[in-house]
N, C-alpha and C. Protein backbone atom coordinates (compact mmCIF):
# COMPACT_ATOMS: atom_id res chain seq x y z
N MET A 1 106.25 73.44 17.79
CA MET A 1 105.84 71.81 17.82
C MET A 1 104.15 72.03 18.23
N ALA A 2 103.92 73.04 18.91
CA ALA A 2 102.31 73.39 19.01
C ALA A 2 101.43 73.86 17.85
N ALA A 3 102.79 74.77 16.98
CA ALA A 3 102.35 75.42 15.63
C ALA A 3 101.52 74.53 14.74
N LYS A 4 102.53 72.77 14.84
CA LYS A 4 102.57 72.28 13.15
C LYS A 4 100.97 71.00 13.99
N TRP A 5 101.11 71.39 15.28
CA TRP A 5 99.65 70.25 15.75
C TRP A 5 98.24 71.50 15.77
N TYR A 6 98.48 72.16 15.73
CA TYR A 6 97.23 73.12 15.33
C TYR A 6 97.34 72.73 14.12
N GLU A 7 98.37 73.20 13.14
CA GLU A 7 98.17 73.35 11.44
C GLU A 7 97.62 72.54 10.98
N VAL A 8 97.80 70.96 11.82
CA VAL A 8 97.00 69.96 11.39
C VAL A 8 96.32 70.14 11.59
N VAL A 9 95.33 70.29 12.40
CA VAL A 9 93.57 70.48 12.84
C VAL A 9 92.89 71.53 12.22
N THR A 10 93.54 72.86 11.68
CA THR A 10 92.85 73.90 11.39
C THR A 10 93.07 74.26 9.61
N GLY A 11 94.84 73.61 9.28
CA GLY A 11 95.32 74.31 7.85
C GLY A 11 95.96 75.12 7.98
N SER A 12 97.13 75.58 7.20
CA SER A 12 98.35 76.49 7.03
C SER A 12 97.87 77.76 7.81
N LEU A 13 98.70 77.99 8.46
CA LEU A 13 98.91 78.98 8.94
C LEU A 13 99.07 80.23 8.21
N GLU A 14 99.96 80.14 7.26
CA GLU A 14 100.97 80.62 6.11
C GLU A 14 99.21 81.05 5.27
N GLN A 15 99.12 79.63 4.53
CA GLN A 15 97.68 80.53 3.66
C GLN A 15 96.62 81.09 4.26
N LYS A 16 96.36 81.01 5.68
CA LYS A 16 95.24 81.42 5.97
C LYS A 16 95.72 83.41 5.87
N LYS A 17 96.79 83.26 6.11
CA LYS A 17 97.36 84.99 6.49
C LYS A 17 97.16 85.46 5.08
N GLN A 18 97.85 84.30 4.44
CA GLN A 18 97.74 85.22 2.74
C GLN A 18 96.62 85.55 2.44
N TYR A 19 95.66 84.34 3.29
CA TYR A 19 94.11 84.55 2.15
C TYR A 19 93.35 85.97 2.76
N LYS A 20 93.84 85.98 4.49
CA LYS A 20 93.60 87.30 4.31
C LYS A 20 94.02 88.59 4.35
N GLN A 21 95.30 89.08 3.85
CA GLN A 21 95.86 89.27 3.12
C GLN A 21 95.17 89.95 1.77
N SER A 22 94.70 88.70 1.22
CA SER A 22 93.78 89.23 -0.14
C SER A 22 92.60 89.46 0.09
N LYS A 23 91.89 88.92 1.52
CA LYS A 23 90.59 89.89 1.43
C LYS A 23 91.01 91.28 2.03
N ALA A 24 91.92 91.85 2.76
CA ALA A 24 91.94 93.08 3.31
C ALA A 24 92.37 93.97 1.79
N ARG A 25 93.29 93.52 0.60
CA ARG A 25 93.51 94.10 -0.47
C ARG A 25 91.97 94.51 -1.33
N LEU A 26 90.75 93.81 -0.94
CA LEU A 26 89.34 93.91 -1.74
C LEU A 26 89.30 95.14 -1.08
N GLU A 27 89.48 94.96 0.22
CA GLU A 27 88.49 95.78 1.42
C GLU A 27 88.80 97.19 1.27
N ALA A 28 90.27 97.18 0.55
CA ALA A 28 90.90 98.86 0.12
C ALA A 28 90.74 99.25 -0.98
N LEU A 29 89.85 99.04 -2.16
CA LEU A 29 89.48 99.15 -2.86
C LEU A 29 88.39 100.32 -3.53
N PRO A 30 89.05 100.86 -4.16
CA PRO A 30 87.81 102.42 -3.77
C PRO A 30 86.22 101.60 -4.80
N GLU A 31 85.05 102.14 -4.15
CA GLU A 31 83.91 101.68 -4.93
C GLU A 31 83.74 102.42 -6.30
N PRO A 32 82.98 101.37 -7.15
CA PRO A 32 82.53 99.96 -6.82
C PRO A 32 82.94 99.44 -7.05
N HIS A 33 84.26 99.39 -7.36
CA HIS A 33 85.40 98.01 -7.47
C HIS A 33 85.12 97.12 -6.37
N ARG A 34 85.14 97.78 -5.23
CA ARG A 34 85.24 97.47 -3.73
C ARG A 34 84.00 96.07 -3.58
N THR A 35 82.70 96.88 -4.07
CA THR A 35 81.41 96.04 -4.39
C THR A 35 81.47 94.79 -5.01
N ALA A 36 81.86 94.91 -5.86
CA ALA A 36 81.41 93.96 -6.89
C ALA A 36 82.58 93.36 -6.74
N ALA A 37 83.82 93.28 -6.50
CA ALA A 37 85.14 92.33 -6.26
C ALA A 37 84.29 91.86 -5.03
N LYS A 38 83.54 92.14 -3.93
CA LYS A 38 83.65 91.42 -2.75
C LYS A 38 82.44 90.31 -2.75
N ALA A 39 81.67 91.18 -3.86
CA ALA A 39 79.95 89.62 -4.82
C ALA A 39 80.93 88.88 -5.30
N LEU A 40 81.59 89.27 -6.07
CA LEU A 40 82.06 87.89 -6.80
C LEU A 40 83.69 87.05 -6.12
N GLU A 41 83.91 87.77 -4.91
CA GLU A 41 84.57 86.85 -4.16
C GLU A 41 84.06 85.80 -3.52
N ARG A 42 82.73 86.07 -3.01
CA ARG A 42 81.52 85.39 -2.02
C ARG A 42 81.22 84.26 -3.21
N TYR A 43 80.70 84.75 -4.36
CA TYR A 43 80.40 83.68 -5.54
C TYR A 43 80.99 82.52 -6.03
N ILE A 44 82.63 83.44 -5.88
CA ILE A 44 83.62 82.16 -6.18
C ILE A 44 83.52 80.95 -5.01
N MET A 45 83.46 81.93 -3.66
CA MET A 45 83.96 80.38 -2.58
C MET A 45 83.03 79.76 -2.45
N VAL A 46 81.12 80.15 -2.61
CA VAL A 46 80.38 79.13 -2.90
C VAL A 46 80.66 78.16 -4.00
N ALA A 47 80.26 79.00 -5.07
CA ALA A 47 80.86 77.80 -6.16
C ALA A 47 81.68 77.33 -6.94
N GLY A 48 83.09 77.93 -6.32
CA GLY A 48 84.48 77.56 -7.21
C GLY A 48 84.08 75.83 -6.58
N GLY A 49 84.70 75.88 -5.36
CA GLY A 49 84.58 74.28 -5.26
C GLY A 49 85.92 73.83 -4.71
N ILE A 50 86.95 74.86 -4.79
CA ILE A 50 87.82 74.43 -4.68
C ILE A 50 88.32 74.69 -3.37
N VAL A 51 89.13 73.04 -3.19
CA VAL A 51 89.50 72.57 -1.74
C VAL A 51 91.23 73.16 -1.20
N ASP A 52 91.83 73.03 -2.36
CA ASP A 52 93.21 72.96 -2.25
C ASP A 52 94.01 74.63 -1.47
N GLY A 53 94.40 74.39 -0.56
CA GLY A 53 94.99 76.15 0.00
C GLY A 53 95.70 76.47 -1.19
N ASP A 54 96.57 75.79 -1.19
CA ASP A 54 97.89 76.68 -1.91
C ASP A 54 96.91 77.07 -3.30
N THR A 55 96.48 76.40 -4.13
CA THR A 55 95.47 76.86 -5.30
C THR A 55 94.79 77.85 -5.22
N MET A 56 93.82 77.91 -4.22
CA MET A 56 93.01 78.84 -3.43
C MET A 56 93.64 80.40 -3.04
N VAL A 57 94.61 80.29 -2.20
CA VAL A 57 95.68 81.30 -1.91
C VAL A 57 96.11 82.37 -3.15
N THR A 58 97.51 81.45 -4.44
CA THR A 58 97.14 81.99 -5.25
C THR A 58 96.21 82.66 -6.01
N MET A 59 95.24 82.13 -6.16
CA MET A 59 93.88 82.65 -7.39
C MET A 59 93.83 84.06 -6.38
N PHE A 60 93.30 84.06 -5.28
CA PHE A 60 92.92 85.16 -4.18
C PHE A 60 93.21 86.49 -4.65
N SER A 61 94.95 86.05 -4.94
CA SER A 61 96.08 86.48 -4.81
C SER A 61 95.19 87.38 -6.39
N ASP A 62 95.94 86.81 -7.53
CA ASP A 62 95.54 86.97 -8.47
C ASP A 62 93.94 87.99 -8.86
N PHE A 63 93.23 87.62 -7.69
CA PHE A 63 91.95 88.14 -7.99
C PHE A 63 92.07 89.37 -7.24
N ALA A 64 92.99 89.43 -6.30
CA ALA A 64 92.86 91.07 -5.79
C ALA A 64 94.47 91.71 -6.75
N ASP A 65 95.09 91.19 -7.29
CA ASP A 65 95.61 92.38 -8.25
C ASP A 65 94.97 92.63 -9.80
N LEU A 66 93.85 91.48 -10.13
CA LEU A 66 93.29 91.98 -10.89
C LEU A 66 92.14 93.37 -10.53
N TRP A 67 91.77 93.28 -9.54
CA TRP A 67 91.02 94.01 -8.76
C TRP A 67 92.07 95.84 -8.91
N GLU A 68 92.76 95.45 -7.91
CA GLU A 68 93.73 96.42 -7.88
C GLU A 68 93.72 97.26 -9.16
N ARG A 69 94.41 96.51 -10.17
CA ARG A 69 94.70 97.12 -11.47
C ARG A 69 93.63 97.44 -11.87
N ALA A 70 92.79 96.88 -12.00
CA ALA A 70 91.45 97.60 -12.51
C ALA A 70 91.07 98.94 -12.28
N ALA A 71 90.85 99.89 -10.78
CA ALA A 71 90.41 100.38 -10.38
C ALA A 71 91.35 101.19 -10.27
N ALA A 72 92.78 101.04 -10.40
CA ALA A 72 94.06 101.77 -10.44
C ALA A 72 93.85 102.23 -11.72
N ASP A 73 93.75 101.64 -12.75
CA ASP A 73 93.41 102.17 -14.31
C ASP A 73 91.94 102.95 -14.61
N GLY A 74 90.87 102.69 -13.62
CA GLY A 74 89.50 103.65 -13.78
C GLY A 74 88.93 102.56 -14.42
N THR A 75 89.22 101.25 -14.69
CA THR A 75 87.78 100.19 -15.62
C THR A 75 86.47 100.28 -15.39
N PRO A 76 85.54 100.42 -15.68
CA PRO A 76 84.65 100.41 -15.16
C PRO A 76 84.16 98.68 -14.64
N VAL A 77 83.25 98.76 -13.88
CA VAL A 77 83.44 97.06 -13.69
C VAL A 77 82.45 96.49 -14.54
N ARG A 78 81.38 96.55 -15.29
CA ARG A 78 81.40 95.47 -16.46
C ARG A 78 82.22 95.24 -17.47
N ASP A 79 82.82 96.53 -17.15
CA ASP A 79 84.12 95.61 -18.97
C ASP A 79 85.33 94.62 -18.49
N ILE A 80 85.41 94.94 -16.98
CA ILE A 80 86.13 93.24 -16.29
C ILE A 80 85.12 92.45 -16.20
N VAL A 81 84.00 92.38 -15.83
CA VAL A 81 82.97 91.18 -15.50
C VAL A 81 82.24 90.77 -16.87
N GLY A 82 81.69 91.60 -17.71
CA GLY A 82 80.39 91.40 -18.87
C GLY A 82 79.46 91.67 -18.52
N ASP A 83 78.94 90.68 -19.65
CA ASP A 83 77.03 91.01 -18.87
C ASP A 83 76.69 90.26 -18.13
N ASP A 84 77.61 88.97 -17.77
CA ASP A 84 77.22 87.78 -17.08
C ASP A 84 78.64 87.23 -15.62
N PRO A 85 78.05 88.28 -14.71
CA PRO A 85 79.12 88.13 -14.26
C PRO A 85 79.48 86.42 -13.02
N ALA A 86 78.43 85.68 -13.30
CA ALA A 86 78.46 84.86 -12.78
C ALA A 86 79.37 84.16 -13.88
N GLY A 87 79.08 83.64 -14.87
CA GLY A 87 80.47 83.87 -15.97
C GLY A 87 81.49 83.64 -15.84
N PHE A 88 81.48 85.14 -15.85
CA PHE A 88 82.90 85.90 -15.62
C PHE A 88 83.58 85.04 -13.87
N ALA A 89 82.76 84.90 -13.28
CA ALA A 89 83.63 84.51 -11.68
C ALA A 89 83.93 82.58 -11.94
N GLU A 90 83.31 81.80 -13.12
CA GLU A 90 82.84 80.86 -13.00
C GLU A 90 84.55 80.42 -14.11
N GLU A 91 84.40 81.17 -15.58
CA GLU A 91 85.81 81.52 -15.65
C GLU A 91 87.21 81.64 -15.27
N PHE A 92 86.92 82.33 -14.33
CA PHE A 92 87.81 82.66 -13.96
C PHE A 92 88.46 81.41 -12.56
N THR A 93 87.43 81.05 -12.21
CA THR A 93 87.85 79.80 -11.08
C THR A 93 88.18 78.95 -12.32
N ALA A 94 87.90 78.90 -13.11
CA ALA A 94 88.57 77.61 -13.94
C ALA A 94 89.84 77.67 -14.42
N ALA A 95 90.41 78.43 -13.93
CA ALA A 95 91.70 78.74 -15.00
C ALA A 95 92.71 78.20 -13.69
N TYR A 96 92.11 77.78 -12.80
CA TYR A 96 92.69 77.67 -11.92
C TYR A 96 93.03 76.15 -11.54
N SER A 97 93.87 75.32 -11.49
CA SER A 97 93.52 73.69 -11.28
C SER A 97 93.60 73.27 -9.92
N GLY A 98 93.18 72.57 -9.22
CA GLY A 98 93.47 72.11 -7.86
C GLY A 98 92.55 70.96 -7.27
N LYS A 99 92.38 70.48 -6.03
CA LYS A 99 91.55 70.14 -5.70
C LYS A 99 89.77 70.48 -5.43
N GLN A 100 88.65 69.83 -5.94
CA GLN A 100 87.44 70.45 -5.63
C GLN A 100 87.09 69.54 -4.55
N TRP A 101 85.85 70.05 -4.16
CA TRP A 101 85.15 69.09 -3.60
C TRP A 101 84.23 67.70 -4.15
N ILE A 102 83.85 68.39 -5.31
CA ILE A 102 83.09 67.23 -6.33
C ILE A 102 84.11 65.99 -6.63
N ASP A 103 85.74 66.73 -6.36
CA ASP A 103 86.48 65.58 -7.04
C ASP A 103 86.09 64.20 -6.07
N LYS A 104 85.92 64.44 -4.52
CA LYS A 104 85.90 63.23 -4.00
C LYS A 104 83.96 62.42 -4.25
N GLU A 105 83.38 63.22 -4.82
CA GLU A 105 82.06 62.79 -4.74
C GLU A 105 82.19 62.00 -6.04
N ARG A 106 82.80 62.33 -7.22
CA ARG A 106 83.17 61.47 -8.23
C ARG A 106 84.12 60.36 -7.99
N ALA A 107 84.98 60.42 -7.35
CA ALA A 107 85.75 59.03 -7.06
C ALA A 107 84.78 58.25 -6.25
N ARG A 108 84.06 58.58 -5.26
CA ARG A 108 82.55 57.58 -4.50
C ARG A 108 81.26 57.26 -5.43
N LEU A 109 81.22 58.06 -6.34
CA LEU A 109 80.41 57.33 -7.53
C LEU A 109 80.63 56.24 -8.41
N ASN A 110 81.80 56.61 -8.59
CA ASN A 110 82.89 55.79 -9.30
C ASN A 110 83.37 54.35 -8.67
N LYS A 111 83.63 54.75 -7.52
CA LYS A 111 84.09 53.83 -6.80
C LYS A 111 82.87 52.64 -6.61
N ALA A 112 81.33 52.93 -6.09
CA ALA A 112 80.11 52.33 -6.57
C ALA A 112 79.40 51.62 -7.58
N ILE A 113 79.55 52.17 -8.66
CA ILE A 113 79.26 51.72 -9.88
C ILE A 113 80.32 50.39 -10.53
N ASP A 114 81.46 50.50 -9.83
CA ASP A 114 82.89 49.54 -9.87
C ASP A 114 82.54 48.17 -9.02
N ASP A 115 81.67 49.16 -8.08
CA ASP A 115 81.84 47.78 -6.73
C ASP A 115 80.42 46.91 -7.22
N THR A 116 79.36 47.79 -7.96
CA THR A 116 78.52 47.29 -8.47
C THR A 116 78.52 45.98 -9.35
N GLU A 117 79.18 46.55 -10.36
CA GLU A 117 79.62 45.46 -11.45
C GLU A 117 80.14 44.40 -10.79
N ARG A 118 81.19 44.34 -9.97
CA ARG A 118 81.31 43.29 -9.87
C ARG A 118 80.79 43.01 -8.61
N GLY A 119 79.82 43.02 -8.31
CA GLY A 119 78.62 42.86 -7.29
C GLY A 119 79.38 42.23 -5.81
N GLU A 120 80.01 43.54 -5.33
CA GLU A 120 80.54 43.80 -4.11
C GLU A 120 79.77 44.58 -3.31
N PRO A 121 79.28 44.62 -2.35
CA PRO A 121 77.70 45.39 -1.56
C PRO A 121 79.38 46.65 -1.14
N ARG A 122 78.00 47.93 -1.23
CA ARG A 122 78.55 48.44 -0.49
C ARG A 122 78.72 49.03 0.82
């Protein structure tokens, strides 16, 4: 019972565990893959905007898979991210659908305009 109450407040403990495992996999990568993957992971966390835990866990697990395979194959970092690392990160994130923080703001904006049209005060 306590775990369920705790998860209501903090979110899924299983998701947190899976996310930490993905981070540990990135941390275990050899250089320069580790540094590149960690930099991209930070960018995705800031710019990606995904707030759905299940989507995020899946995305970061796949992200760790990508970097582990690249490191094992000896693929150079630039062959993975290309000339635009930010673009790579944004395209990678776009492949995963899920709730994003901007969804709430879109809905808020749409409601404000709808209310304005109907003459309702905000």
